[in-house]
Amino acid sequence: MPVTVLLVDDEPLVRAGLRAILDAQPDIEVVGEAADGASVVPLVRRLRPDVVAMDVRMPLLDGIEATRAVLKAVDSPPKILVVTTFENDEYVYQALRAGADGFLLKRSRPSEIVHAVRLVAEGETLLFPAAVRALAAEYGNRAARAVLERAALTEREEAVLRLMARGLTNVEIAAELIVGTETVKSHVSAILAKLGARDRTQAVITAYESGFVSPA
């Protein structure tokens, strides 16, 4: 089955470009489009896409509120990939904190766009560039530190979380630690459960905000 994608952007040219790139892939299918965030929830309920590629700055409802709305209103919500012009945009970071699974720059090469969609569809974390890691560190807070302290991660879980924060996939983490991929998956599941994180992105945000890993 192909990865199904819903495109949400107020610029028709951006939607057309993304559709052309994604529909050219045999394993990806664009199933719908929207020009504003207010249309997202009804379309997600009707089309059930695997991934929503969503602009962060839109009329009526921006990508942050649209992300919150989808996660609140839809059972088994899709992965949300925020599409933005600037990687250091605080809107992007707020969208990630609201539950988005990753973000994509509009100037990305076609191969990077395809890779990003496939990656988030598989539940992996997109590597946060330096600008976003710095924003995460700025938002450091006691709540995140308390969450990490209560989690009482094992030494191996801490090692896995550090590698997750670097953006490594399960396969890459397995190679780094010289263990099996299934073992890594078990560690990731345990980390998410202990941190109360919805997904890998939320776990990585907690790691940065708590100071467990630094943006260096």
N, C-alpha and C. Protein backbone atom coordinates (compact mmCIF):
# COMPACT_ATOMS: atom_id res chain seq x y z
N MET A 1 0.85 -1.19 0.00
CA MET A 1 0.00 0.00 0.00
C MET A 1 0.88 1.24 0.00
N PRO A 2 0.55 2.25 -0.84
CA PRO A 2 1.35 3.47 -0.86
C PRO A 2 1.12 4.31 0.39
N VAL A 3 2.08 5.16 0.69
CA VAL A 3 1.93 6.14 1.76
C VAL A 3 1.02 7.24 1.22
N THR A 4 -0.10 7.50 1.89
CA THR A 4 -1.04 8.52 1.41
C THR A 4 -0.76 9.85 2.11
N VAL A 5 -0.86 10.93 1.32
CA VAL A 5 -0.47 12.25 1.82
C VAL A 5 -1.56 13.28 1.54
N LEU A 6 -1.82 14.13 2.54
CA LEU A 6 -2.70 15.28 2.38
C LEU A 6 -1.83 16.54 2.39
N LEU A 7 -1.96 17.39 1.36
CA LEU A 7 -1.18 18.62 1.26
C LEU A 7 -2.00 19.79 1.76
N VAL A 8 -1.43 20.58 2.69
CA VAL A 8 -2.14 21.74 3.24
C VAL A 8 -1.23 22.96 3.15
N ASP A 9 -1.55 23.88 2.25
CA ASP A 9 -0.76 25.09 2.06
C ASP A 9 -1.62 26.11 1.34
N ASP A 10 -1.50 27.38 1.75
CA ASP A 10 -2.33 28.40 1.12
C ASP A 10 -1.79 28.86 -0.23
N GLU A 11 -0.61 28.38 -0.63
CA GLU A 11 -0.04 28.74 -1.92
C GLU A 11 -0.25 27.60 -2.92
N PRO A 12 -1.08 27.82 -3.96
CA PRO A 12 -1.35 26.77 -4.94
C PRO A 12 -0.08 26.25 -5.61
N LEU A 13 0.89 27.13 -5.82
CA LEU A 13 2.13 26.71 -6.48
C LEU A 13 2.91 25.72 -5.62
N VAL A 14 2.91 25.94 -4.32
CA VAL A 14 3.60 25.03 -3.42
C VAL A 14 2.92 23.67 -3.43
N ARG A 15 1.59 23.67 -3.37
CA ARG A 15 0.86 22.40 -3.40
C ARG A 15 1.11 21.67 -4.71
N ALA A 16 1.10 22.41 -5.81
CA ALA A 16 1.31 21.78 -7.12
C ALA A 16 2.71 21.17 -7.20
N GLY A 17 3.70 21.88 -6.67
CA GLY A 17 5.07 21.37 -6.70
C GLY A 17 5.23 20.12 -5.86
N LEU A 18 4.66 20.14 -4.67
CA LEU A 18 4.75 18.97 -3.79
C LEU A 18 4.01 17.78 -4.40
N ARG A 19 2.84 18.03 -4.97
CA ARG A 19 2.07 16.95 -5.60
C ARG A 19 2.87 16.31 -6.74
N ALA A 20 3.49 17.13 -7.57
CA ALA A 20 4.26 16.61 -8.70
C ALA A 20 5.41 15.74 -8.23
N ILE A 21 6.08 16.19 -7.17
CA ILE A 21 7.23 15.43 -6.64
C ILE A 21 6.78 14.12 -6.02
N LEU A 22 5.73 14.18 -5.19
CA LEU A 22 5.31 12.99 -4.45
C LEU A 22 4.57 11.98 -5.32
N ASP A 23 3.71 12.47 -6.20
CA ASP A 23 2.95 11.55 -7.06
C ASP A 23 3.85 10.83 -8.06
N ALA A 24 5.05 11.32 -8.26
CA ALA A 24 5.99 10.65 -9.17
C ALA A 24 6.60 9.40 -8.55
N GLN A 25 6.37 9.22 -7.23
CA GLN A 25 6.92 8.06 -6.54
C GLN A 25 5.91 6.90 -6.54
N PRO A 26 6.35 5.70 -6.83
CA PRO A 26 5.41 4.57 -6.88
C PRO A 26 4.82 4.19 -5.53
N ASP A 27 5.49 4.60 -4.44
CA ASP A 27 5.02 4.20 -3.11
C ASP A 27 4.37 5.34 -2.34
N ILE A 28 4.09 6.46 -3.02
CA ILE A 28 3.46 7.62 -2.36
C ILE A 28 2.30 8.10 -3.23
N GLU A 29 1.18 8.44 -2.57
CA GLU A 29 0.01 8.94 -3.30
C GLU A 29 -0.58 10.15 -2.58
N VAL A 30 -0.70 11.27 -3.28
CA VAL A 30 -1.36 12.46 -2.72
C VAL A 30 -2.87 12.26 -2.88
N VAL A 31 -3.58 12.25 -1.75
CA VAL A 31 -5.01 11.93 -1.79
C VAL A 31 -5.90 13.17 -1.65
N GLY A 32 -5.28 14.33 -1.35
CA GLY A 32 -6.10 15.52 -1.20
C GLY A 32 -5.28 16.76 -0.94
N GLU A 33 -5.94 17.92 -1.05
CA GLU A 33 -5.29 19.21 -0.82
C GLU A 33 -6.23 20.13 -0.05
N ALA A 34 -5.63 21.07 0.69
CA ALA A 34 -6.40 22.10 1.38
C ALA A 34 -5.61 23.39 1.36
N ALA A 35 -6.32 24.53 1.37
CA ALA A 35 -5.66 25.83 1.30
C ALA A 35 -5.58 26.53 2.64
N ASP A 36 -6.14 25.92 3.69
CA ASP A 36 -6.06 26.53 5.03
C ASP A 36 -6.19 25.47 6.10
N GLY A 37 -5.75 25.83 7.30
CA GLY A 37 -5.75 24.88 8.40
C GLY A 37 -7.13 24.48 8.87
N ALA A 38 -8.12 25.33 8.66
CA ALA A 38 -9.47 25.03 9.13
C ALA A 38 -10.09 23.84 8.42
N SER A 39 -9.57 23.49 7.25
CA SER A 39 -10.13 22.38 6.47
C SER A 39 -9.49 21.03 6.81
N VAL A 40 -8.48 21.05 7.65
CA VAL A 40 -7.68 19.84 7.85
C VAL A 40 -8.45 18.71 8.52
N VAL A 41 -9.08 18.99 9.65
CA VAL A 41 -9.74 17.92 10.40
C VAL A 41 -10.80 17.19 9.57
N PRO A 42 -11.74 17.90 8.90
CA PRO A 42 -12.72 17.18 8.07
C PRO A 42 -12.07 16.34 6.97
N LEU A 43 -11.01 16.88 6.35
CA LEU A 43 -10.35 16.12 5.29
C LEU A 43 -9.62 14.89 5.84
N VAL A 44 -8.99 15.04 6.99
CA VAL A 44 -8.30 13.90 7.59
C VAL A 44 -9.30 12.80 7.95
N ARG A 45 -10.44 13.20 8.48
CA ARG A 45 -11.47 12.21 8.83
C ARG A 45 -11.98 11.48 7.60
N ARG A 46 -12.11 12.21 6.48
CA ARG A 46 -12.67 11.61 5.27
C ARG A 46 -11.64 10.81 4.49
N LEU A 47 -10.42 11.33 4.38
CA LEU A 47 -9.41 10.71 3.52
C LEU A 47 -8.48 9.75 4.25
N ARG A 48 -8.37 9.89 5.58
CA ARG A 48 -7.50 9.04 6.40
C ARG A 48 -6.07 8.95 5.82
N PRO A 49 -5.40 10.08 5.61
CA PRO A 49 -4.03 10.03 5.07
C PRO A 49 -3.05 9.50 6.11
N ASP A 50 -1.94 8.97 5.64
CA ASP A 50 -0.87 8.53 6.55
C ASP A 50 -0.06 9.72 7.03
N VAL A 51 0.11 10.72 6.14
CA VAL A 51 0.93 11.89 6.44
C VAL A 51 0.20 13.15 5.99
N VAL A 52 0.27 14.19 6.82
CA VAL A 52 -0.21 15.52 6.43
C VAL A 52 1.01 16.43 6.30
N ALA A 53 1.23 16.96 5.09
CA ALA A 53 2.30 17.93 4.87
C ALA A 53 1.65 19.30 4.98
N MET A 54 1.95 20.03 6.07
CA MET A 54 1.17 21.21 6.42
C MET A 54 2.03 22.46 6.59
N ASP A 55 1.64 23.51 5.89
CA ASP A 55 2.29 24.80 6.04
C ASP A 55 2.08 25.29 7.47
N VAL A 56 3.06 25.99 8.02
CA VAL A 56 2.93 26.44 9.40
C VAL A 56 2.22 27.79 9.49
N ARG A 57 2.35 28.63 8.47
CA ARG A 57 1.71 29.96 8.47
C ARG A 57 0.59 29.98 7.43
N MET A 58 -0.65 29.98 7.90
CA MET A 58 -1.80 29.94 6.99
C MET A 58 -2.93 30.81 7.53
N PRO A 59 -3.85 31.24 6.65
CA PRO A 59 -5.02 32.01 7.11
C PRO A 59 -6.01 31.10 7.84
N LEU A 60 -6.92 31.73 8.57
CA LEU A 60 -7.99 31.05 9.31
C LEU A 60 -7.47 30.24 10.48
N LEU A 61 -6.57 29.31 10.22
CA LEU A 61 -6.01 28.47 11.28
C LEU A 61 -4.59 28.09 10.89
N ASP A 62 -3.61 28.45 11.74
CA ASP A 62 -2.23 28.16 11.37
C ASP A 62 -1.88 26.70 11.63
N GLY A 63 -0.67 26.32 11.23
CA GLY A 63 -0.26 24.92 11.34
C GLY A 63 -0.18 24.42 12.77
N ILE A 64 0.11 25.33 13.71
CA ILE A 64 0.19 24.92 15.12
C ILE A 64 -1.18 24.50 15.62
N GLU A 65 -2.17 25.37 15.44
CA GLU A 65 -3.53 25.05 15.91
C GLU A 65 -4.14 23.91 15.12
N ALA A 66 -3.82 23.83 13.83
CA ALA A 66 -4.34 22.73 13.02
C ALA A 66 -3.78 21.40 13.51
N THR A 67 -2.50 21.39 13.90
CA THR A 67 -1.89 20.18 14.45
C THR A 67 -2.59 19.76 15.73
N ARG A 68 -2.81 20.72 16.62
CA ARG A 68 -3.51 20.41 17.88
C ARG A 68 -4.90 19.88 17.60
N ALA A 69 -5.59 20.48 16.63
CA ALA A 69 -6.96 20.08 16.31
C ALA A 69 -7.01 18.65 15.80
N VAL A 70 -6.08 18.28 14.93
CA VAL A 70 -6.04 16.92 14.38
C VAL A 70 -5.79 15.90 15.47
N LEU A 71 -4.80 16.17 16.31
CA LEU A 71 -4.44 15.21 17.36
C LEU A 71 -5.56 15.05 18.38
N LYS A 72 -6.33 16.12 18.58
CA LYS A 72 -7.42 16.06 19.56
C LYS A 72 -8.67 15.40 18.98
N ALA A 73 -8.94 15.64 17.70
CA ALA A 73 -10.22 15.23 17.12
C ALA A 73 -10.21 13.88 16.41
N VAL A 74 -9.02 13.38 16.06
CA VAL A 74 -8.95 12.18 15.21
C VAL A 74 -8.34 11.01 15.96
N ASP A 75 -9.03 9.89 15.96
CA ASP A 75 -8.46 8.66 16.50
C ASP A 75 -7.39 8.16 15.52
N SER A 76 -6.30 7.65 16.04
CA SER A 76 -5.18 7.19 15.20
C SER A 76 -4.82 8.28 14.18
N PRO A 77 -4.40 9.45 14.66
CA PRO A 77 -4.12 10.57 13.75
C PRO A 77 -2.94 10.30 12.83
N PRO A 78 -2.88 10.99 11.70
CA PRO A 78 -1.76 10.81 10.77
C PRO A 78 -0.50 11.45 11.32
N LYS A 79 0.62 11.15 10.70
CA LYS A 79 1.86 11.85 11.00
C LYS A 79 1.77 13.24 10.39
N ILE A 80 2.29 14.23 11.09
CA ILE A 80 2.20 15.61 10.60
C ILE A 80 3.60 16.15 10.32
N LEU A 81 3.80 16.54 9.08
CA LEU A 81 5.07 17.08 8.62
C LEU A 81 4.87 18.56 8.32
N VAL A 82 5.46 19.42 9.13
CA VAL A 82 5.30 20.85 8.96
C VAL A 82 6.20 21.33 7.82
N VAL A 83 5.62 22.09 6.91
CA VAL A 83 6.36 22.62 5.77
C VAL A 83 6.58 24.11 6.00
N THR A 84 7.83 24.56 5.93
CA THR A 84 8.13 25.94 6.30
C THR A 84 9.21 26.54 5.41
N THR A 85 9.30 27.86 5.45
CA THR A 85 10.33 28.56 4.69
C THR A 85 11.62 28.71 5.47
N PHE A 86 11.49 28.94 6.79
CA PHE A 86 12.66 29.19 7.63
C PHE A 86 12.76 28.17 8.75
N GLU A 87 13.92 27.52 8.88
CA GLU A 87 14.08 26.47 9.88
C GLU A 87 14.14 27.02 11.30
N ASN A 88 14.50 28.30 11.45
CA ASN A 88 14.58 28.86 12.80
C ASN A 88 13.31 29.60 13.20
N ASP A 89 12.25 29.40 12.45
CA ASP A 89 10.96 30.01 12.74
C ASP A 89 10.40 29.43 14.04
N GLU A 90 10.10 30.29 15.00
CA GLU A 90 9.58 29.80 16.27
C GLU A 90 8.23 29.10 16.08
N TYR A 91 7.50 29.45 15.02
CA TYR A 91 6.25 28.75 14.71
C TYR A 91 6.51 27.26 14.49
N VAL A 92 7.64 26.96 13.84
CA VAL A 92 7.99 25.56 13.57
C VAL A 92 8.18 24.81 14.88
N TYR A 93 8.93 25.42 15.78
CA TYR A 93 9.20 24.75 17.05
C TYR A 93 7.91 24.57 17.85
N GLN A 94 7.05 25.59 17.84
CA GLN A 94 5.77 25.46 18.55
C GLN A 94 4.91 24.35 17.94
N ALA A 95 5.00 24.19 16.63
CA ALA A 95 4.25 23.10 15.98
C ALA A 95 4.79 21.75 16.42
N LEU A 96 6.10 21.64 16.53
CA LEU A 96 6.70 20.39 17.00
C LEU A 96 6.27 20.11 18.44
N ARG A 97 6.26 21.14 19.26
CA ARG A 97 5.83 20.96 20.65
C ARG A 97 4.35 20.59 20.72
N ALA A 98 3.58 21.07 19.75
CA ALA A 98 2.14 20.77 19.73
C ALA A 98 1.85 19.34 19.27
N GLY A 99 2.86 18.68 18.71
CA GLY A 99 2.66 17.28 18.31
C GLY A 99 3.05 16.93 16.90
N ALA A 100 3.54 17.91 16.12
CA ALA A 100 4.00 17.58 14.76
C ALA A 100 5.18 16.62 14.84
N ASP A 101 5.33 15.80 13.82
CA ASP A 101 6.35 14.75 13.84
C ASP A 101 7.67 15.16 13.22
N GLY A 102 7.69 16.29 12.54
CA GLY A 102 8.93 16.75 11.91
C GLY A 102 8.62 17.93 11.02
N PHE A 103 9.64 18.47 10.39
CA PHE A 103 9.38 19.59 9.49
C PHE A 103 10.25 19.50 8.26
N LEU A 104 9.81 20.23 7.25
CA LEU A 104 10.44 20.18 5.94
C LEU A 104 10.57 21.59 5.40
N LEU A 105 11.74 21.94 4.90
CA LEU A 105 11.94 23.26 4.32
C LEU A 105 11.43 23.28 2.88
N LYS A 106 10.77 24.37 2.51
CA LYS A 106 10.21 24.48 1.16
C LYS A 106 11.30 24.46 0.10
N ARG A 107 12.51 24.82 0.48
CA ARG A 107 13.59 24.83 -0.50
C ARG A 107 14.31 23.48 -0.60
N SER A 108 13.80 22.47 0.08
CA SER A 108 14.43 21.15 0.06
C SER A 108 14.43 20.57 -1.35
N ARG A 109 15.43 19.74 -1.62
CA ARG A 109 15.49 19.06 -2.91
C ARG A 109 14.37 18.00 -2.97
N PRO A 110 13.91 17.66 -4.17
CA PRO A 110 12.85 16.65 -4.31
C PRO A 110 13.17 15.36 -3.57
N SER A 111 14.41 14.90 -3.64
CA SER A 111 14.79 13.66 -2.95
C SER A 111 14.64 13.79 -1.44
N GLU A 112 14.91 14.98 -0.90
CA GLU A 112 14.78 15.21 0.54
C GLU A 112 13.31 15.23 0.95
N ILE A 113 12.47 15.78 0.09
CA ILE A 113 11.03 15.82 0.38
C ILE A 113 10.47 14.40 0.42
N VAL A 114 10.82 13.60 -0.55
CA VAL A 114 10.36 12.21 -0.60
C VAL A 114 10.86 11.43 0.62
N HIS A 115 12.13 11.63 0.95
CA HIS A 115 12.72 10.93 2.09
C HIS A 115 12.01 11.32 3.38
N ALA A 116 11.70 12.61 3.55
CA ALA A 116 11.02 13.08 4.76
C ALA A 116 9.66 12.43 4.92
N VAL A 117 8.90 12.36 3.84
CA VAL A 117 7.56 11.75 3.90
C VAL A 117 7.67 10.28 4.28
N ARG A 118 8.58 9.58 3.64
CA ARG A 118 8.74 8.15 3.96
C ARG A 118 9.18 7.96 5.42
N LEU A 119 10.08 8.83 5.88
CA LEU A 119 10.64 8.69 7.22
C LEU A 119 9.57 8.88 8.29
N VAL A 120 8.79 9.95 8.19
CA VAL A 120 7.76 10.17 9.22
C VAL A 120 6.65 9.13 9.13
N ALA A 121 6.38 8.64 7.93
CA ALA A 121 5.36 7.60 7.78
C ALA A 121 5.76 6.34 8.52
N GLU A 122 7.06 6.09 8.60
CA GLU A 122 7.58 4.91 9.29
C GLU A 122 7.73 5.14 10.79
N GLY A 123 7.45 6.36 11.25
CA GLY A 123 7.54 6.65 12.67
C GLY A 123 8.92 7.06 13.15
N GLU A 124 9.81 7.39 12.21
CA GLU A 124 11.16 7.81 12.58
C GLU A 124 11.18 9.32 12.85
N THR A 125 12.27 9.78 13.47
CA THR A 125 12.44 11.20 13.77
C THR A 125 13.26 11.86 12.69
N LEU A 126 12.82 13.04 12.26
CA LEU A 126 13.64 13.81 11.33
C LEU A 126 14.70 14.56 12.13
N LEU A 127 15.91 14.58 11.62
CA LEU A 127 17.00 15.26 12.30
C LEU A 127 16.69 16.74 12.47
N PHE A 128 16.78 17.24 13.70
CA PHE A 128 16.58 18.66 13.96
C PHE A 128 17.86 19.40 13.62
N PRO A 129 17.80 20.42 12.77
CA PRO A 129 19.01 21.21 12.50
C PRO A 129 19.38 22.05 13.70
N ALA A 130 20.54 22.67 13.64
CA ALA A 130 21.07 23.42 14.78
C ALA A 130 20.09 24.49 15.26
N ALA A 131 19.41 25.15 14.32
CA ALA A 131 18.49 26.23 14.71
C ALA A 131 17.37 25.73 15.60
N VAL A 132 16.81 24.57 15.28
CA VAL A 132 15.71 24.03 16.07
C VAL A 132 16.23 23.48 17.40
N ARG A 133 17.40 22.87 17.39
CA ARG A 133 17.98 22.38 18.65
C ARG A 133 18.24 23.54 19.60
N ALA A 134 18.68 24.68 19.06
CA ALA A 134 18.93 25.85 19.89
C ALA A 134 17.62 26.37 20.50
N LEU A 135 16.55 26.38 19.70
CA LEU A 135 15.25 26.80 20.22
C LEU A 135 14.80 25.87 21.35
N ALA A 136 15.04 24.58 21.17
CA ALA A 136 14.66 23.61 22.20
C ALA A 136 15.40 23.89 23.50
N ALA A 137 16.68 24.20 23.40
CA ALA A 137 17.47 24.49 24.58
C ALA A 137 16.97 25.75 25.27
N GLU A 138 16.56 26.75 24.49
CA GLU A 138 16.04 28.00 25.05
C GLU A 138 14.76 27.76 25.84
N TYR A 139 14.00 26.74 25.42
CA TYR A 139 12.75 26.44 26.11
C TYR A 139 12.95 25.50 27.29
N GLY A 140 14.22 25.29 27.65
CA GLY A 140 14.49 24.41 28.79
C GLY A 140 13.65 24.78 29.99
N ASN A 141 13.10 23.80 30.66
CA ASN A 141 12.23 24.10 31.80
C ASN A 141 12.26 22.99 32.84
N ARG A 142 11.80 23.35 34.02
CA ARG A 142 11.79 22.40 35.13
C ARG A 142 10.88 21.21 34.85
N ALA A 143 9.78 21.48 34.17
CA ALA A 143 8.82 20.40 33.90
C ALA A 143 9.49 19.29 33.09
N ALA A 144 10.25 19.67 32.05
CA ALA A 144 10.93 18.67 31.23
C ALA A 144 11.97 17.92 32.05
N ARG A 145 12.69 18.65 32.90
CA ARG A 145 13.70 17.99 33.74
C ARG A 145 13.04 17.01 34.70
N ALA A 146 11.88 17.41 35.24
CA ALA A 146 11.17 16.53 36.17
C ALA A 146 10.68 15.27 35.47
N VAL A 147 10.20 15.43 34.25
CA VAL A 147 9.74 14.27 33.47
C VAL A 147 10.87 13.29 33.27
N LEU A 148 12.04 13.80 32.91
CA LEU A 148 13.18 12.92 32.66
C LEU A 148 13.65 12.25 33.95
N GLU A 149 13.64 12.98 35.04
CA GLU A 149 14.05 12.39 36.32
C GLU A 149 13.10 11.28 36.75
N ARG A 150 11.80 11.52 36.60
CA ARG A 150 10.82 10.49 36.98
C ARG A 150 10.91 9.27 36.08
N ALA A 151 11.33 9.47 34.83
CA ALA A 151 11.39 8.36 33.89
C ALA A 151 12.37 7.29 34.32
N ALA A 152 13.43 7.70 35.01
CA ALA A 152 14.45 6.75 35.47
C ALA A 152 14.89 5.81 34.35
N LEU A 153 15.36 6.39 33.26
CA LEU A 153 15.80 5.58 32.13
C LEU A 153 17.02 4.75 32.51
N THR A 154 17.11 3.57 31.94
CA THR A 154 18.29 2.74 32.14
C THR A 154 19.46 3.34 31.34
N GLU A 155 20.65 2.86 31.60
CA GLU A 155 21.82 3.36 30.89
C GLU A 155 21.69 3.15 29.38
N ARG A 156 21.18 1.99 28.98
CA ARG A 156 21.03 1.72 27.56
C ARG A 156 19.93 2.60 26.94
N GLU A 157 18.84 2.84 27.68
CA GLU A 157 17.78 3.72 27.18
C GLU A 157 18.29 5.15 27.01
N GLU A 158 19.15 5.58 27.94
CA GLU A 158 19.75 6.91 27.81
C GLU A 158 20.60 7.00 26.54
N ALA A 159 21.35 5.94 26.26
CA ALA A 159 22.19 5.92 25.06
C ALA A 159 21.33 5.99 23.81
N VAL A 160 20.22 5.25 23.80
CA VAL A 160 19.31 5.26 22.65
C VAL A 160 18.69 6.64 22.47
N LEU A 161 18.29 7.28 23.57
CA LEU A 161 17.67 8.60 23.49
C LEU A 161 18.66 9.63 22.93
N ARG A 162 19.92 9.54 23.32
CA ARG A 162 20.92 10.46 22.77
C ARG A 162 21.07 10.28 21.26
N LEU A 163 21.03 9.05 20.82
CA LEU A 163 21.14 8.79 19.38
C LEU A 163 19.86 9.21 18.64
N MET A 164 18.71 9.05 19.29
CA MET A 164 17.46 9.55 18.71
C MET A 164 17.53 11.06 18.53
N ALA A 165 18.12 11.74 19.52
CA ALA A 165 18.23 13.20 19.45
C ALA A 165 19.15 13.65 18.32
N ARG A 166 20.04 12.77 17.89
CA ARG A 166 20.90 13.07 16.74
C ARG A 166 20.18 12.80 15.42
N GLY A 167 18.97 12.25 15.51
CA GLY A 167 18.19 11.98 14.30
C GLY A 167 18.43 10.63 13.68
N LEU A 168 19.10 9.72 14.41
CA LEU A 168 19.39 8.40 13.85
C LEU A 168 18.12 7.55 13.80
N THR A 169 18.01 6.73 12.77
CA THR A 169 16.90 5.80 12.64
C THR A 169 17.18 4.57 13.51
N ASN A 170 16.17 3.70 13.64
CA ASN A 170 16.37 2.47 14.42
C ASN A 170 17.52 1.63 13.87
N VAL A 171 17.59 1.54 12.55
CA VAL A 171 18.65 0.75 11.92
C VAL A 171 20.02 1.35 12.24
N GLU A 172 20.12 2.68 12.18
CA GLU A 172 21.39 3.35 12.46
C GLU A 172 21.78 3.23 13.93
N ILE A 173 20.78 3.31 14.81
CA ILE A 173 21.04 3.15 16.24
C ILE A 173 21.54 1.73 16.53
N ALA A 174 20.91 0.75 15.88
CA ALA A 174 21.31 -0.65 16.06
C ALA A 174 22.77 -0.84 15.64
N ALA A 175 23.14 -0.23 14.54
CA ALA A 175 24.53 -0.36 14.07
C ALA A 175 25.49 0.32 15.03
N GLU A 176 25.09 1.48 15.56
CA GLU A 176 25.94 2.23 16.49
C GLU A 176 26.17 1.46 17.78
N LEU A 177 25.12 0.80 18.29
CA LEU A 177 25.21 0.10 19.57
C LEU A 177 25.53 -1.38 19.42
N ILE A 178 25.61 -1.82 18.18
CA ILE A 178 25.89 -3.24 17.87
C ILE A 178 24.86 -4.16 18.53
N VAL A 179 23.59 -3.86 18.27
CA VAL A 179 22.49 -4.69 18.75
C VAL A 179 21.50 -4.87 17.59
N GLY A 180 20.48 -5.69 17.78
CA GLY A 180 19.49 -5.92 16.75
C GLY A 180 18.48 -4.79 16.66
N THR A 181 17.86 -4.63 15.51
CA THR A 181 16.87 -3.57 15.31
C THR A 181 15.68 -3.76 16.24
N GLU A 182 15.26 -5.01 16.46
CA GLU A 182 14.12 -5.26 17.35
C GLU A 182 14.44 -4.83 18.78
N THR A 183 15.70 -5.00 19.17
CA THR A 183 16.11 -4.55 20.51
C THR A 183 15.99 -3.04 20.61
N VAL A 184 16.40 -2.34 19.57
CA VAL A 184 16.29 -0.88 19.56
C VAL A 184 14.82 -0.47 19.64
N LYS A 185 13.96 -1.14 18.86
CA LYS A 185 12.54 -0.82 18.89
C LYS A 185 11.97 -0.97 20.30
N SER A 186 12.42 -2.01 21.00
CA SER A 186 11.95 -2.23 22.38
C SER A 186 12.39 -1.09 23.29
N HIS A 187 13.64 -0.66 23.12
CA HIS A 187 14.16 0.45 23.93
C HIS A 187 13.40 1.74 23.62
N VAL A 188 13.13 2.00 22.34
CA VAL A 188 12.40 3.21 21.96
C VAL A 188 11.00 3.19 22.56
N SER A 189 10.32 2.06 22.49
CA SER A 189 8.98 1.94 23.07
C SER A 189 9.00 2.21 24.57
N ALA A 190 10.02 1.68 25.24
CA ALA A 190 10.15 1.89 26.68
C ALA A 190 10.40 3.37 27.00
N ILE A 191 11.23 4.02 26.19
CA ILE A 191 11.53 5.44 26.39
C ILE A 191 10.27 6.28 26.24
N LEU A 192 9.50 6.02 25.18
CA LEU A 192 8.28 6.79 24.95
C LEU A 192 7.29 6.60 26.10
N ALA A 193 7.17 5.36 26.57
CA ALA A 193 6.24 5.08 27.67
C ALA A 193 6.68 5.79 28.95
N LYS A 194 7.97 5.73 29.25
CA LYS A 194 8.47 6.35 30.49
C LYS A 194 8.38 7.87 30.46
N LEU A 195 8.57 8.45 29.27
CA LEU A 195 8.51 9.91 29.15
C LEU A 195 7.09 10.42 28.92
N GLY A 196 6.16 9.49 28.65
CA GLY A 196 4.80 9.90 28.33
C GLY A 196 4.75 10.65 27.01
N ALA A 197 5.64 10.28 26.09
CA ALA A 197 5.75 10.97 24.80
C ALA A 197 4.90 10.28 23.75
N ARG A 198 4.25 11.09 22.90
CA ARG A 198 3.41 10.54 21.83
C ARG A 198 4.25 9.80 20.80
N ASP A 199 5.43 10.34 20.50
CA ASP A 199 6.28 9.75 19.48
C ASP A 199 7.73 10.15 19.71
N ARG A 200 8.60 9.77 18.77
CA ARG A 200 10.02 10.04 18.91
C ARG A 200 10.32 11.53 18.96
N THR A 201 9.62 12.31 18.16
CA THR A 201 9.86 13.76 18.13
C THR A 201 9.61 14.37 19.50
N GLN A 202 8.51 13.98 20.15
CA GLN A 202 8.20 14.52 21.47
C GLN A 202 9.25 14.09 22.50
N ALA A 203 9.75 12.88 22.36
CA ALA A 203 10.80 12.41 23.27
C ALA A 203 12.08 13.22 23.08
N VAL A 204 12.41 13.51 21.84
CA VAL A 204 13.62 14.30 21.55
C VAL A 204 13.47 15.72 22.09
N ILE A 205 12.30 16.31 21.94
CA ILE A 205 12.06 17.65 22.48
C ILE A 205 12.27 17.66 23.99
N THR A 206 11.74 16.65 24.68
CA THR A 206 11.95 16.55 26.13
C THR A 206 13.43 16.43 26.47
N ALA A 207 14.16 15.66 25.66
CA ALA A 207 15.59 15.48 25.90
C ALA A 207 16.34 16.80 25.80
N TYR A 208 15.99 17.63 24.82
CA TYR A 208 16.65 18.92 24.67
C TYR A 208 16.20 19.92 25.73
N GLU A 209 14.89 19.98 25.98
CA GLU A 209 14.38 20.98 26.93
C GLU A 209 14.84 20.68 28.36
N SER A 210 15.07 19.41 28.66
CA SER A 210 15.51 19.04 30.00
C SER A 210 17.00 19.25 30.21
N GLY A 211 17.72 19.47 29.09
CA GLY A 211 19.18 19.59 29.18
C GLY A 211 19.89 18.25 29.15
N PHE A 212 19.12 17.17 28.95
CA PHE A 212 19.73 15.84 28.88
C PHE A 212 20.71 15.76 27.72
N VAL A 213 20.36 16.40 26.61
CA VAL A 213 21.31 16.55 25.50
C VAL A 213 21.41 18.04 25.19
N SER A 214 22.55 18.45 24.66
CA SER A 214 22.76 19.87 24.36
C SER A 214 22.69 20.08 22.86
N PRO A 215 22.41 21.33 22.42
CA PRO A 215 22.30 21.60 20.99
C PRO A 215 23.64 21.65 20.27
N ALA A 216 24.75 21.49 20.99
CA ALA A 216 26.07 21.58 20.36
C ALA A 216 26.24 20.47 19.34
